[in-house]
């Protein structure tokens, strides 16, 4: 399996590796942690698989506090480093992808080819995978705004009269 990555794909890679797949994660960016963004993760107990519970705890660190994205990213990368079934490669810019009846592949700027049973691409604005799958619509539609989603306990909020 090959994954063209953003951090959400790291969690998918961990889940697939822990399910027995060999995973290669190709990241265009360097390995530095990104700062400035914060997120709150809900950590309600779920009755799903052990892998999901482990990943949920890994992402949230077991609490419901607002947390820096860089802290989540660091925990995920540390988990990947301990996972024998995953290879994480930074500074890898993909320039082409393809598939045939038996495999999929991605080729880097350095002309290195990565093959796997399937390929999952992070769907950024200029996605190579999107251009391959949908050449008539090679770029994502951008609405021109950013949406922030938050959840607040309404009890402490003042009541409007």
Protein backbone atom coordinates (compact mmCIF):
# COMPACT_ATOMS: atom_id res chain seq x y z
CA UNK A 1 0.00 0.00 0.00
CA UNK A 2 1.27 3.48 -0.83
CA UNK A 3 -0.16 6.58 0.81
CA UNK A 4 0.52 10.11 -0.43
CA UNK A 5 0.19 11.74 2.91
CA UNK A 6 -1.12 14.39 5.21
CA UNK A 7 -1.39 13.59 8.90
CA UNK A 8 -4.86 12.02 8.66
CA UNK A 9 -3.32 9.45 6.35
CA UNK A 10 -0.77 8.63 9.06
CA UNK A 11 -3.66 7.33 11.19
CA UNK A 12 -4.95 5.30 8.25
CA UNK A 13 -1.43 3.95 7.70
CA UNK A 14 -1.18 2.92 11.35
CA UNK A 15 -4.56 1.16 11.18
CA UNK A 16 -3.60 -0.68 7.98
CA UNK A 17 -0.19 -1.66 9.35
CA UNK A 18 -1.74 -2.97 12.54
CA UNK A 19 -4.12 -4.99 10.34
CA UNK A 20 -1.21 -6.68 8.58
CA UNK A 21 -0.54 -4.46 5.55
CA UNK A 22 2.87 -3.07 4.61
CA UNK A 23 2.52 0.70 4.27
CA UNK A 24 4.71 3.33 2.61
CA UNK A 25 3.80 6.95 3.38
CA UNK A 26 5.23 9.54 1.01
CA UNK A 27 5.19 13.11 2.31
CA UNK A 28 6.10 16.06 0.12
CA UNK A 29 6.92 18.32 3.10
CA UNK A 30 9.93 18.09 5.38
CA UNK A 31 9.75 16.45 8.78
CA UNK A 32 9.38 19.64 10.83
CA UNK A 33 6.31 19.95 13.02
CA UNK A 34 3.73 22.55 12.04
CA UNK A 35 2.71 25.08 14.69
CA UNK A 36 -0.14 27.52 15.06
CA UNK A 37 -3.19 25.29 14.72
CA UNK A 38 -5.17 23.90 17.64
CA UNK A 39 -7.90 21.30 17.68
CA UNK A 40 -10.19 19.74 20.25
CA UNK A 41 -10.80 16.04 19.92
CA UNK A 42 -13.75 14.26 21.46
CA UNK A 43 -12.59 11.12 23.26
CA UNK A 44 -15.88 9.45 24.14
CA UNK A 45 -15.40 5.72 24.62
CA UNK A 46 -16.49 3.75 21.58
CA UNK A 47 -17.20 0.06 21.30
CA UNK A 48 -15.34 -0.31 18.04
CA UNK A 49 -12.17 -2.20 17.26
CA UNK A 50 -9.07 -2.16 19.42
CA UNK A 51 -7.19 -0.41 16.61
CA UNK A 52 -9.74 2.41 16.51
CA UNK A 53 -9.57 2.83 20.28
CA UNK A 54 -5.75 2.94 20.16
CA UNK A 55 -5.74 5.51 17.34
CA UNK A 56 -8.37 7.65 19.06
CA UNK A 57 -6.26 7.69 22.22
CA UNK A 58 -3.12 8.41 20.21
CA UNK A 59 -4.78 11.39 18.50
CA UNK A 60 -6.36 12.83 21.67
CA UNK A 61 -3.75 11.80 24.27
CA UNK A 62 -6.71 10.55 26.31
CA UNK A 63 -8.25 13.94 27.09
CA UNK A 64 -10.80 16.40 25.74
CA UNK A 65 -8.63 19.51 25.93
CA UNK A 66 -7.80 21.81 23.07
CA UNK A 67 -4.42 20.70 21.82
CA UNK A 68 -1.77 21.98 19.44
CA UNK A 69 -1.82 20.13 16.13
CA UNK A 70 1.97 19.80 16.39
CA UNK A 71 1.56 17.71 19.58
CA UNK A 72 -0.84 15.36 17.79
CA UNK A 73 1.48 15.21 14.80
CA UNK A 74 4.44 14.36 17.04
CA UNK A 75 2.54 11.51 18.78
CA UNK A 76 1.49 10.08 15.42
CA UNK A 77 5.03 10.23 14.04
CA UNK A 78 6.41 8.57 17.19
CA UNK A 79 3.86 5.77 16.76
CA UNK A 80 4.86 5.37 13.10
CA UNK A 81 8.54 5.18 14.08
CA UNK A 82 7.73 2.21 16.36
CA UNK A 83 5.55 0.46 13.76
CA UNK A 84 7.61 -2.11 11.79
CA UNK A 85 5.09 -2.26 8.93
CA UNK A 86 5.34 1.44 8.00
CA UNK A 87 7.94 3.42 6.09
CA UNK A 88 7.55 7.22 6.27
CA UNK A 89 9.52 9.16 3.68
CA UNK A 90 9.66 12.98 3.67
CA UNK A 91 10.81 15.30 0.85
CA UNK A 92 9.14 13.10 -1.77
CA UNK A 93 7.30 15.00 -4.47
CA UNK A 94 5.13 12.75 -6.63
CA UNK A 95 4.94 13.66 -10.31
CA UNK A 96 2.91 10.76 -11.72
CA UNK A 97 0.70 7.86 -10.67
CA UNK A 98 -0.68 4.85 -12.51
CA UNK A 99 -2.23 1.44 -12.20
CA UNK A 100 -2.79 -1.82 -14.04
CA UNK A 101 -4.67 -5.04 -13.24
CA UNK A 102 -2.28 -6.06 -10.47
CA UNK A 103 -0.85 -2.94 -8.80
CA UNK A 104 -0.69 0.83 -8.44
CA UNK A 105 2.38 3.03 -8.41
CA UNK A 106 3.63 6.54 -7.80
CA UNK A 107 6.77 8.05 -9.31
CA UNK A 108 8.75 10.77 -7.55
CA UNK A 109 10.57 13.79 -8.95
CA UNK A 110 13.78 11.79 -8.44
CA UNK A 111 12.34 9.07 -10.74
CA UNK A 112 11.92 6.61 -7.88
CA UNK A 113 8.88 4.37 -8.34
CA UNK A 114 6.85 3.12 -5.39
CA UNK A 115 4.54 0.15 -6.07
CA UNK A 116 1.73 -1.30 -4.00
CA UNK A 117 -1.55 -3.15 -4.11
CA UNK A 118 -3.37 0.17 -3.93
CA UNK A 119 -2.63 3.88 -3.78
CA UNK A 120 -4.33 6.47 -1.61
CA UNK A 121 -3.63 10.13 -2.31
CA UNK A 122 -4.10 13.13 -0.06
CA UNK A 123 -6.50 15.22 -2.09
CA UNK A 124 -4.92 18.65 -2.07
CA UNK A 125 -5.83 21.41 -4.49
CA UNK A 126 -3.31 20.25 -7.11
CA UNK A 127 -3.72 16.51 -6.48
CA UNK A 128 -1.75 14.28 -8.86
CA UNK A 129 -4.18 11.45 -8.06
CA UNK A 130 -7.20 13.63 -8.96
CA UNK A 131 -5.59 14.60 -12.28
CA UNK A 132 -5.02 10.93 -13.05
CA UNK A 133 -8.52 9.80 -12.10
CA UNK A 134 -10.39 12.83 -13.42
CA UNK A 135 -8.33 14.58 -16.10
CA UNK A 136 -11.36 16.70 -17.10
CA UNK A 137 -11.39 18.31 -13.62
CA UNK A 138 -7.74 18.46 -12.49
CA UNK A 139 -8.18 21.10 -9.76
CA UNK A 140 -10.40 21.17 -6.69
CA UNK A 141 -13.16 23.74 -6.45
CA UNK A 142 -12.27 26.30 -3.79
CA UNK A 143 -15.21 28.09 -2.21
CA UNK A 144 -13.10 31.08 -1.14
CA UNK A 145 -13.60 30.71 2.61
CA UNK A 146 -12.45 28.64 5.52
CA UNK A 147 -14.82 26.97 7.96
CA UNK A 148 -13.99 26.44 11.62
CA UNK A 149 -16.09 23.96 13.51
CA UNK A 150 -16.29 24.07 17.28
CA UNK A 151 -18.30 22.52 20.05
CA UNK A 152 -19.14 24.47 23.19
CA UNK A 153 -20.96 23.55 26.37
CA UNK A 154 -23.89 25.99 26.38
CA UNK A 155 -24.52 25.93 30.16
CA UNK A 156 -21.88 28.56 31.07
CA UNK A 157 -22.91 30.91 28.22
CA UNK A 158 -24.97 33.97 29.26
CA UNK A 159 -28.63 33.83 28.42
CA UNK A 160 -30.05 36.39 26.00
CA UNK A 161 -33.23 38.08 27.25
